[in-house]
Amino acid sequence: MQQSVVVAVDKLFHNKVYNRYVNRTSKFMGDDEKDVCNVEDRVIAVAPPSLSGFVVVAGRS
């Protein structure tokens, strides 16, 4: 699992019932083939052509 990475995507949406903004986080597994990603790096994730559960990490931004 050294060439894998977990990418977290934060979303802010408005809850109409309580009239408040709520943070939601989605986590996706990624494949870091070159093993260059570190903690708190910003990455660009691209969907692979096959139907696997992994997201290919294209590079840092």
PDB file of N, CA and C in Angstrom:
ATOM      1  N   MET A   1       0.816  -1.200   0.000  1.00  0.00           N
ATOM      2  CA  MET A   1       0.000   0.000   0.000  1.00  0.00           C
ATOM      3  C   MET A   1       0.857   1.260   0.000  1.00  0.00           C
ATOM      4  N   GLN A   2       2.119   1.153  -0.360  1.00  0.00           N
ATOM      5  CA  GLN A   2       2.959   2.342  -0.361  1.00  0.00           C
ATOM      6  C   GLN A   2       2.713   3.208  -1.587  1.00  0.00           C
ATOM      7  N   GLN A   3       2.154   2.647  -2.650  1.00  0.00           N
ATOM      8  CA  GLN A   3       1.870   3.435  -3.839  1.00  0.00           C
ATOM      9  C   GLN A   3       0.403   3.835  -3.914  1.00  0.00           C
ATOM     10  N   SER A   4      -0.292   3.780  -2.808  1.00  0.00           N
ATOM     11  CA  SER A   4      -1.695   4.202  -2.744  1.00  0.00           C
ATOM     12  C   SER A   4      -1.800   5.488  -1.935  1.00  0.00           C
ATOM     13  N   VAL A   5      -2.838   6.242  -2.219  1.00  0.00           N
ATOM     14  CA  VAL A   5      -3.047   7.510  -1.535  1.00  0.00           C
ATOM     15  C   VAL A   5      -4.552   7.677  -1.306  1.00  0.00           C
ATOM     16  N   VAL A   6      -4.921   8.334  -0.214  1.00  0.00           N
ATOM     17  CA  VAL A   6      -6.320   8.635   0.073  1.00  0.00           C
ATOM     18  C   VAL A   6      -6.528  10.129  -0.158  1.00  0.00           C
ATOM     19  N   VAL A   7      -7.479  10.456  -1.027  1.00  0.00           N
ATOM     20  CA  VAL A   7      -7.774  11.840  -1.373  1.00  0.00           C
ATOM     21  C   VAL A   7      -9.087  12.223  -0.702  1.00  0.00           C
ATOM     22  N   ALA A   8      -9.088  13.309   0.064  1.00  0.00           N
ATOM     23  CA  ALA A   8     -10.293  13.785   0.740  1.00  0.00           C
ATOM     24  C   ALA A   8     -10.830  15.015   0.006  1.00  0.00           C
ATOM     25  N   VAL A   9     -12.135  14.995  -0.268  1.00  0.00           N
ATOM     26  CA  VAL A   9     -12.801  16.106  -0.941  1.00  0.00           C
ATOM     27  C   VAL A   9     -13.815  16.692   0.031  1.00  0.00           C
ATOM     28  N   ASP A  10     -13.659  17.974   0.370  1.00  0.00           N
ATOM     29  CA  ASP A  10     -14.566  18.651   1.296  1.00  0.00           C
ATOM     30  C   ASP A  10     -15.640  19.396   0.518  1.00  0.00           C
ATOM     31  N   LYS A  11     -16.886  19.252   0.960  1.00  0.00           N
ATOM     32  CA  LYS A  11     -18.012  19.942   0.334  1.00  0.00           C
ATOM     33  C   LYS A  11     -18.774  20.707   1.407  1.00  0.00           C
ATOM     34  N   LEU A  12     -19.198  21.901   1.091  1.00  0.00           N
ATOM     35  CA  LEU A  12     -19.987  22.732   1.994  1.00  0.00           C
ATOM     36  C   LEU A  12     -21.372  22.906   1.378  1.00  0.00           C
ATOM     37  N   PHE A  13     -22.410  22.494   2.112  1.00  0.00           N
ATOM     38  CA  PHE A  13     -23.751  22.660   1.583  1.00  0.00           C
ATOM     39  C   PHE A  13     -24.665  23.222   2.654  1.00  0.00           C
ATOM     40  N   HIS A  14     -25.779  23.777   2.203  1.00  0.00           N
ATOM     41  CA  HIS A  14     -26.727  24.436   3.094  1.00  0.00           C
ATOM     42  C   HIS A  14     -27.828  23.456   3.468  1.00  0.00           C
ATOM     43  N   ASN A  15     -28.050  23.264   4.773  1.00  0.00           N
ATOM     44  CA  ASN A  15     -29.134  22.429   5.272  1.00  0.00           C
ATOM     45  C   ASN A  15     -30.373  23.306   5.426  1.00  0.00           C
ATOM     46  N   LYS A  16     -31.413  22.977   4.665  1.00  0.00           N
ATOM     47  CA  LYS A  16     -32.605  23.824   4.651  1.00  0.00           C
ATOM     48  C   LYS A  16     -33.440  23.680   5.920  1.00  0.00           C
ATOM     49  N   VAL A  17     -33.380  22.529   6.577  1.00  0.00           N
ATOM     50  CA  VAL A  17     -34.187  22.307   7.775  1.00  0.00           C
ATOM     51  C   VAL A  17     -33.667  23.147   8.934  1.00  0.00           C
ATOM     52  N   TYR A  18     -32.339  23.090   9.156  1.00  0.00           N
ATOM     53  CA  TYR A  18     -31.748  23.805  10.280  1.00  0.00           C
ATOM     54  C   TYR A  18     -31.186  25.173   9.897  1.00  0.00           C
ATOM     55  N   ASN A  19     -31.229  25.507   8.601  1.00  0.00           N
ATOM     56  CA  ASN A  19     -30.741  26.780   8.082  1.00  0.00           C
ATOM     57  C   ASN A  19     -29.285  27.029   8.480  1.00  0.00           C
ATOM     58  N   ARG A  20     -28.462  26.017   8.295  1.00  0.00           N
ATOM     59  CA  ARG A  20     -27.032  26.101   8.619  1.00  0.00           C
ATOM     60  C   ARG A  20     -26.222  25.473   7.486  1.00  0.00           C
ATOM     61  N   TYR A  21     -24.953  25.849   7.435  1.00  0.00           N
ATOM     62  CA  TYR A  21     -24.043  25.240   6.480  1.00  0.00           C
ATOM     63  C   TYR A  21     -23.341  24.064   7.142  1.00  0.00           C
ATOM     64  N   VAL A  22     -23.195  22.969   6.386  1.00  0.00           N
ATOM     65  CA  VAL A  22     -22.642  21.733   6.919  1.00  0.00           C
ATOM     66  C   VAL A  22     -21.478  21.299   6.034  1.00  0.00           C
ATOM     67  N   ASN A  23     -20.377  20.867   6.648  1.00  0.00           N
ATOM     68  CA  ASN A  23     -19.238  20.322   5.920  1.00  0.00           C
ATOM     69  C   ASN A  23     -19.411  18.825   5.747  1.00  0.00           C
ATOM     70  N   ARG A  24     -19.159  18.323   4.541  1.00  0.00           N
ATOM     71  CA  ARG A  24     -19.157  16.893   4.267  1.00  0.00           C
ATOM     72  C   ARG A  24     -17.831  16.549   3.602  1.00  0.00           C
ATOM     73  N   THR A  25     -17.256  15.416   3.979  1.00  0.00           N
ATOM     74  CA  THR A  25     -15.990  14.969   3.423  1.00  0.00           C
ATOM     75  C   THR A  25     -16.177  13.616   2.763  1.00  0.00           C
ATOM     76  N   SER A  26     -15.702  13.496   1.523  1.00  0.00           N
ATOM     77  CA  SER A  26     -15.704  12.227   0.806  1.00  0.00           C
ATOM     78  C   SER A  26     -14.256  11.797   0.629  1.00  0.00           C
ATOM     79  N   LYS A  27     -13.976  10.520   0.862  1.00  0.00           N
ATOM     80  CA  LYS A  27     -12.620  10.004   0.713  1.00  0.00           C
ATOM     81  C   LYS A  27     -12.565   9.034  -0.457  1.00  0.00           C
ATOM     82  N   PHE A  28     -11.524   9.174  -1.290  1.00  0.00           N
ATOM     83  CA  PHE A  28     -11.328   8.326  -2.450  1.00  0.00           C
ATOM     84  C   PHE A  28      -9.924   7.743  -2.401  1.00  0.00           C
ATOM     85  N   MET A  29      -9.804   6.475  -2.782  1.00  0.00           N
ATOM     86  CA  MET A  29      -8.492   5.846  -2.889  1.00  0.00           C
ATOM     87  C   MET A  29      -7.874   6.231  -4.224  1.00  0.00           C
ATOM     88  N   GLY A  30      -6.570   6.450  -4.227  1.00  0.00           N
ATOM     89  CA  GLY A  30      -5.868   6.806  -5.443  1.00  0.00           C
ATOM     90  C   GLY A  30      -4.628   5.965  -5.615  1.00  0.00           C
ATOM     91  N   ASP A  31      -4.134   5.903  -6.836  1.00  0.00           N
ATOM     92  CA  ASP A  31      -2.951   5.124  -7.169  1.00  0.00           C
ATOM     93  C   ASP A  31      -1.821   6.091  -7.484  1.00  0.00           C
ATOM     94  N   ASP A  32      -0.797   6.123  -6.643  1.00  0.00           N
ATOM     95  CA  ASP A  32       0.363   7.002  -6.813  1.00  0.00           C
ATOM     96  C   ASP A  32       1.514   6.145  -7.321  1.00  0.00           C
ATOM     97  N   GLU A  33       1.613   5.991  -8.653  1.00  0.00           N
ATOM     98  CA  GLU A  33       2.583   5.072  -9.240  1.00  0.00           C
ATOM     99  C   GLU A  33       4.026   5.485  -8.980  1.00  0.00           C
ATOM    100  N   LYS A  34       4.296   6.786  -8.963  1.00  0.00           N
ATOM    101  CA  LYS A  34       5.671   7.257  -8.788  1.00  0.00           C
ATOM    102  C   LYS A  34       6.035   7.492  -7.330  1.00  0.00           C
ATOM    103  N   ASP A  35       5.074   7.349  -6.420  1.00  0.00           N
ATOM    104  CA  ASP A  35       5.287   7.490  -4.980  1.00  0.00           C
ATOM    105  C   ASP A  35       5.875   8.868  -4.635  1.00  0.00           C
ATOM    106  N   VAL A  36       5.232   9.935  -5.135  1.00  0.00           N
ATOM    107  CA  VAL A  36       5.725  11.291  -4.907  1.00  0.00           C
ATOM    108  C   VAL A  36       4.833  12.101  -3.971  1.00  0.00           C
ATOM    109  N   CYS A  37       3.634  11.623  -3.661  1.00  0.00           N
ATOM    110  CA  CYS A  37       2.699  12.390  -2.829  1.00  0.00           C
ATOM    111  C   CYS A  37       3.055  12.288  -1.358  1.00  0.00           C
ATOM    112  N   ASN A  38       2.921  13.405  -0.665  1.00  0.00           N
ATOM    113  CA  ASN A  38       3.133  13.466   0.774  1.00  0.00           C
ATOM    114  C   ASN A  38       1.837  13.897   1.446  1.00  0.00           C
ATOM    115  N   VAL A  39       1.854  13.993   2.764  1.00  0.00           N
ATOM    116  CA  VAL A  39       0.683  14.412   3.523  1.00  0.00           C
ATOM    117  C   VAL A  39       0.369  15.870   3.195  1.00  0.00           C
ATOM    118  N   GLU A  40      -0.904  16.193   3.013  1.00  0.00           N
ATOM    119  CA  GLU A  40      -1.433  17.530   2.742  1.00  0.00           C
ATOM    120  C   GLU A  40      -1.006  18.092   1.392  1.00  0.00           C
ATOM    121  N   ASP A  41      -0.642  17.256   0.428  1.00  0.00           N
ATOM    122  CA  ASP A  41      -0.392  17.719  -0.931  1.00  0.00           C
ATOM    123  C   ASP A  41      -1.720  17.892  -1.649  1.00  0.00           C
ATOM    124  N   ARG A  42      -1.781  18.876  -2.532  1.00  0.00           N
ATOM    125  CA  ARG A  42      -2.953  19.033  -3.390  1.00  0.00           C
ATOM    126  C   ARG A  42      -2.669  18.275  -4.679  1.00  0.00           C
ATOM    127  N   VAL A  43      -3.606  17.437  -5.084  1.00  0.00           N
ATOM    128  CA  VAL A  43      -3.407  16.591  -6.256  1.00  0.00           C
ATOM    129  C   VAL A  43      -4.552  16.783  -7.240  1.00  0.00           C
ATOM    130  N   ILE A  44      -4.309  16.352  -8.473  1.00  0.00           N
ATOM    131  CA  ILE A  44      -5.333  16.317  -9.509  1.00  0.00           C
ATOM    132  C   ILE A  44      -5.688  14.857  -9.723  1.00  0.00           C
ATOM    133  N   ALA A  45      -6.947  14.514  -9.524  1.00  0.00           N
ATOM    134  CA  ALA A  45      -7.386  13.126  -9.660  1.00  0.00           C
ATOM    135  C   ALA A  45      -8.151  12.965 -10.966  1.00  0.00           C
ATOM    136  N   VAL A  46      -7.823  11.895 -11.692  1.00  0.00           N
ATOM    137  CA  VAL A  46      -8.446  11.611 -12.982  1.00  0.00           C
ATOM    138  C   VAL A  46      -9.052  10.223 -12.923  1.00  0.00           C
ATOM    139  N   ALA A  47     -10.255  10.058 -13.445  1.00  0.00           N
ATOM    140  CA  ALA A  47     -10.902   8.746 -13.458  1.00  0.00           C
ATOM    141  C   ALA A  47     -10.209   7.847 -14.480  1.00  0.00           C
ATOM    142  N   PRO A  48      -9.953   6.584 -14.140  1.00  0.00           N
ATOM    143  CA  PRO A  48      -9.301   5.661 -15.064  1.00  0.00           C
ATOM    144  C   PRO A  48     -10.279   5.199 -16.144  1.00  0.00           C
ATOM    145  N   PRO A  49      -9.762   4.703 -17.278  1.00  0.00           N
ATOM    146  CA  PRO A  49     -10.658   4.222 -18.327  1.00  0.00           C
ATOM    147  C   PRO A  49     -11.390   2.937 -17.944  1.00  0.00           C
ATOM    148  N   SER A  50     -10.808   2.132 -17.079  1.00  0.00           N
ATOM    149  CA  SER A  50     -11.477   0.905 -16.651  1.00  0.00           C
ATOM    150  C   SER A  50     -12.390   1.203 -15.469  1.00  0.00           C
ATOM    151  N   LEU A  51     -13.216   0.263 -15.096  1.00  0.00           N
ATOM    152  CA  LEU A  51     -14.181   0.457 -14.018  1.00  0.00           C
ATOM    153  C   LEU A  51     -13.639  -0.059 -12.695  1.00  0.00           C
ATOM    154  N   SER A  52     -12.485   0.384 -12.296  1.00  0.00           N
ATOM    155  CA  SER A  52     -11.923  -0.026 -11.016  1.00  0.00           C
ATOM    156  C   SER A  52     -12.286   1.000  -9.947  1.00  0.00           C
ATOM    157  N   GLY A  53     -12.057   0.656  -8.695  1.00  0.00           N
ATOM    158  CA  GLY A  53     -12.390   1.554  -7.602  1.00  0.00           C
ATOM    159  C   GLY A  53     -11.321   2.592  -7.331  1.00  0.00           C
ATOM    160  N   PHE A  54     -10.222   2.563  -8.062  1.00  0.00           N
ATOM    161  CA  PHE A  54      -9.117   3.472  -7.813  1.00  0.00           C
ATOM    162  C   PHE A  54      -9.190   4.691  -8.713  1.00  0.00           C
ATOM    163  N   VAL A  55      -8.634   5.777  -8.232  1.00  0.00           N
ATOM    164  CA  VAL A  55      -8.510   7.017  -8.984  1.00  0.00           C
ATOM    165  C   VAL A  55      -7.031   7.231  -9.245  1.00  0.00           C
ATOM    166  N   VAL A  56      -6.655   7.491 -10.478  1.00  0.00           N
ATOM    167  CA  VAL A  56      -5.260   7.702 -10.830  1.00  0.00           C
ATOM    168  C   VAL A  56      -4.886   9.138 -10.499  1.00  0.00           C
ATOM    169  N   VAL A  57      -3.818   9.320  -9.739  1.00  0.00           N
ATOM    170  CA  VAL A  57      -3.359  10.659  -9.363  1.00  0.00           C
ATOM    171  C   VAL A  57      -2.468  11.174 -10.479  1.00  0.00           C
ATOM    172  N   ALA A  58      -2.893  12.288 -11.111  1.00  0.00           N
ATOM    173  CA  ALA A  58      -2.181  12.797 -12.276  1.00  0.00           C
ATOM    174  C   ALA A  58      -0.972  13.633 -11.886  1.00  0.00           C
ATOM    175  N   GLY A  59      -1.011  14.301 -10.771  1.00  0.00           N
ATOM    176  CA  GLY A  59       0.118  15.121 -10.366  1.00  0.00           C
ATOM    177  C   GLY A  59      -0.280  16.132  -9.328  1.00  0.00           C
ATOM    178  N   ARG A  60       0.685  16.848  -8.829  1.00  0.00           N
ATOM    179  CA  ARG A  60       0.431  17.865  -7.811  1.00  0.00           C
ATOM    180  C   ARG A  60       0.057  19.176  -8.461  1.00  0.00           C
ATOM    181  N   SER A  61      -0.694  19.989  -7.725  1.00  0.00           N
ATOM    182  CA  SER A  61      -1.005  21.330  -8.230  1.00  0.00           C
ATOM    183  C   SER A  61      -0.678  22.356  -7.172  1.00  0.00           C
TER     184      SER A  61
END
